[in-house]
Amino acid sequence: MAAFNNFNSFVEAVMEKVHNLGADTLKIMLTNVAPVATNTVFANLTDIASTDNGYTAGGQAITVTASSQTSGTYKLVADPEVFTQSGANDIGPFRYAVLYNDTAAGKELIGWWDYGSAVTLVGGETFTVDLHPTNGVLTLAPAA
């Protein structure tokens, strides 16, 4: 499973009311260009091509199943997101899946997963971004 990396601006954006993770539309887009921690908005990234392949420009919305805190630790839980190739062309190549807030002005970035090498989906293949329904997509907790 690929590790989740957050963008530096995400923590500040949460504290300044840019994100409402339980209500905003969160999406995952695919890219083959490495994100860097200092990226802040969707326009900083390069989305993969989306012509007759089953991939929609800007990626797919995730389904949030829980957004809550317990004992001061917040957890965002969502269903795994599945991308399926269809049509005449391949999806990819891509190496990174990027989570961003499609509702926020500028489409603020949240984090990304690095899958270690480029992936191309052909012939109806699927690719699942495991958003870990038990541990959550992400947790936020105050420093100890």
Protein backbone atom coordinates (compact mmCIF):
# COMPACT_ATOMS: atom_id res chain seq x y z
CA MET A 1 0.00 0.00 0.00
CA ALA A 2 1.36 3.41 -0.95
CA ALA A 3 1.96 5.88 1.89
CA PHE A 4 -0.09 9.08 2.09
CA ASN A 5 1.88 12.34 1.91
CA ASN A 6 0.22 15.63 2.79
CA PHE A 7 0.87 18.93 1.07
CA ASN A 8 2.42 21.54 3.39
CA SER A 9 -0.43 24.00 2.80
CA PHE A 10 -3.09 21.49 3.89
CA VAL A 11 -2.65 21.97 7.64
CA GLU A 12 -2.84 25.75 7.36
CA ALA A 13 -5.86 25.49 5.06
CA VAL A 14 -7.67 23.33 7.62
CA MET A 15 -6.95 25.84 10.38
CA GLU A 16 -8.13 28.76 8.22
CA LYS A 17 -11.48 27.15 7.29
CA VAL A 18 -10.66 26.38 3.66
CA HIS A 19 -11.72 22.73 4.04
CA ASN A 20 -14.86 21.13 5.40
CA LEU A 21 -13.72 17.56 4.84
CA GLY A 22 -17.03 16.03 5.86
CA ALA A 23 -19.12 18.12 3.45
CA ASP A 24 -16.93 19.35 0.57
CA THR A 25 -16.47 17.40 -2.66
CA LEU A 26 -13.11 15.64 -2.44
CA LYS A 27 -11.60 14.13 -5.57
CA ILE A 28 -8.69 11.96 -6.59
CA MET A 29 -6.88 12.81 -9.80
CA LEU A 30 -4.09 10.83 -11.47
CA THR A 31 -0.78 12.26 -12.63
CA ASN A 32 2.57 11.02 -13.85
CA VAL A 33 4.36 14.20 -12.74
CA ALA A 34 5.67 14.04 -9.17
CA PRO A 35 3.81 16.32 -6.75
CA VAL A 36 5.97 18.25 -4.31
CA ALA A 37 5.03 19.15 -0.75
CA THR A 38 4.98 22.87 -1.61
CA ASN A 39 2.22 22.53 -4.26
CA THR A 40 -0.97 24.22 -3.04
CA VAL A 41 -3.72 24.02 -5.69
CA PHE A 42 -4.88 21.70 -8.47
CA ALA A 43 -3.43 24.02 -11.16
CA ASN A 44 0.08 23.25 -9.80
CA LEU A 45 -0.29 19.67 -11.06
CA THR A 46 -0.55 17.92 -14.43
CA ASP A 47 -3.66 15.75 -14.83
CA ILE A 48 -3.37 12.74 -17.15
CA ALA A 49 -5.11 12.83 -20.53
CA SER A 50 -8.81 11.95 -20.49
CA THR A 51 -9.83 11.12 -24.05
CA ASP A 52 -11.98 8.01 -24.66
CA ASN A 53 -10.43 5.95 -21.86
CA GLY A 54 -12.84 6.03 -18.89
CA TYR A 55 -10.94 8.72 -17.00
CA THR A 56 -12.64 12.07 -16.43
CA ALA A 57 -10.51 15.22 -16.41
CA GLY A 58 -9.97 16.21 -12.79
CA GLY A 59 -10.44 12.70 -11.49
CA GLN A 60 -13.25 11.11 -9.50
CA ALA A 61 -15.12 12.19 -6.37
CA ILE A 62 -14.58 9.99 -3.33
CA THR A 63 -17.37 8.79 -1.06
CA VAL A 64 -16.76 9.95 2.51
CA THR A 65 -18.31 7.47 4.96
CA ALA A 66 -17.23 9.12 8.23
CA SER A 67 -15.82 12.45 9.30
CA SER A 68 -15.50 12.71 13.05
CA GLN A 69 -13.25 13.09 16.06
CA THR A 70 -12.74 10.92 19.12
CA SER A 71 -10.68 12.08 22.11
CA GLY A 72 -9.33 15.02 20.10
CA THR A 73 -8.22 13.01 17.05
CA TYR A 74 -10.09 13.63 13.81
CA LYS A 75 -10.41 10.83 11.22
CA LEU A 76 -11.65 11.04 7.64
CA VAL A 77 -12.90 7.68 6.32
CA ALA A 78 -13.89 7.00 2.70
CA ASP A 79 -14.60 4.10 0.41
CA PRO A 80 -11.77 2.90 -1.83
CA GLU A 81 -11.77 4.73 -5.18
CA VAL A 82 -11.66 2.54 -8.31
CA PHE A 83 -10.56 3.76 -11.74
CA THR A 84 -11.59 1.54 -14.68
CA GLN A 85 -10.26 1.72 -18.23
CA SER A 86 -12.93 1.78 -20.90
CA GLY A 87 -13.07 3.02 -24.46
CA ALA A 88 -10.42 2.92 -27.16
CA ASN A 89 -7.47 4.39 -25.23
CA ASP A 90 -5.45 3.46 -22.16
CA ILE A 91 -5.56 5.32 -18.84
CA GLY A 92 -2.08 6.51 -18.04
CA PRO A 93 0.64 6.23 -17.53
CA PHE A 94 0.36 7.61 -13.99
CA ARG A 95 2.35 7.06 -10.81
CA TYR A 96 0.61 9.38 -8.36
CA ALA A 97 -2.94 9.70 -7.05
CA VAL A 98 -3.70 13.14 -5.63
CA LEU A 99 -6.48 14.00 -3.17
CA TYR A 100 -7.84 17.53 -3.45
CA ASN A 101 -10.83 19.62 -2.43
CA ASP A 102 -12.90 20.36 -5.54
CA THR A 103 -15.23 22.66 -3.56
CA ALA A 104 -12.55 25.00 -2.22
CA ALA A 105 -11.58 28.06 -4.26
CA GLY A 106 -8.50 27.12 -6.27
CA LYS A 107 -9.18 23.42 -5.65
CA GLU A 108 -6.87 23.18 -2.64
CA LEU A 109 -4.59 20.14 -2.44
CA ILE A 110 -4.69 17.74 0.50
CA GLY A 111 -2.21 14.92 -0.17
CA TRP A 112 -0.95 12.27 -2.54
CA TRP A 113 0.10 8.63 -2.84
CA ASP A 114 3.23 7.53 -4.75
CA TYR A 115 2.85 4.05 -6.25
CA GLY A 116 6.57 3.69 -6.98
CA SER A 117 6.39 3.21 -10.74
CA ALA A 118 4.16 4.21 -13.63
CA VAL A 119 0.86 2.37 -14.12
CA THR A 120 -1.13 2.08 -17.36
CA LEU A 121 -4.63 0.60 -17.44
CA VAL A 122 -5.63 -1.28 -20.59
CA GLY A 123 -8.46 -3.58 -21.68
CA GLY A 124 -10.89 -2.89 -18.83
CA GLU A 125 -8.26 -3.08 -16.08
CA THR A 126 -8.95 -1.37 -12.78
CA PHE A 127 -6.80 0.53 -10.30
CA THR A 128 -7.90 1.03 -6.70
CA VAL A 129 -6.76 3.82 -4.42
CA ASP A 130 -7.19 2.16 -1.02
CA LEU A 131 -8.55 4.84 1.29
CA HIS A 132 -8.42 2.40 4.22
CA PRO A 133 -11.96 2.12 5.55
CA THR A 134 -10.68 1.29 9.07
CA ASN A 135 -7.73 3.62 9.64
CA GLY A 136 -9.10 6.37 7.43
CA VAL A 137 -7.72 8.48 4.63
CA LEU A 138 -6.09 10.77 7.15
CA THR A 139 -6.09 11.67 10.82
CA LEU A 140 -5.40 14.98 12.50
CA ALA A 141 -4.36 15.19 16.12
CA PRO A 142 -2.81 17.89 18.30
CA ALA A 143 0.87 17.54 19.16
CA ALA A 144 1.51 15.63 22.34
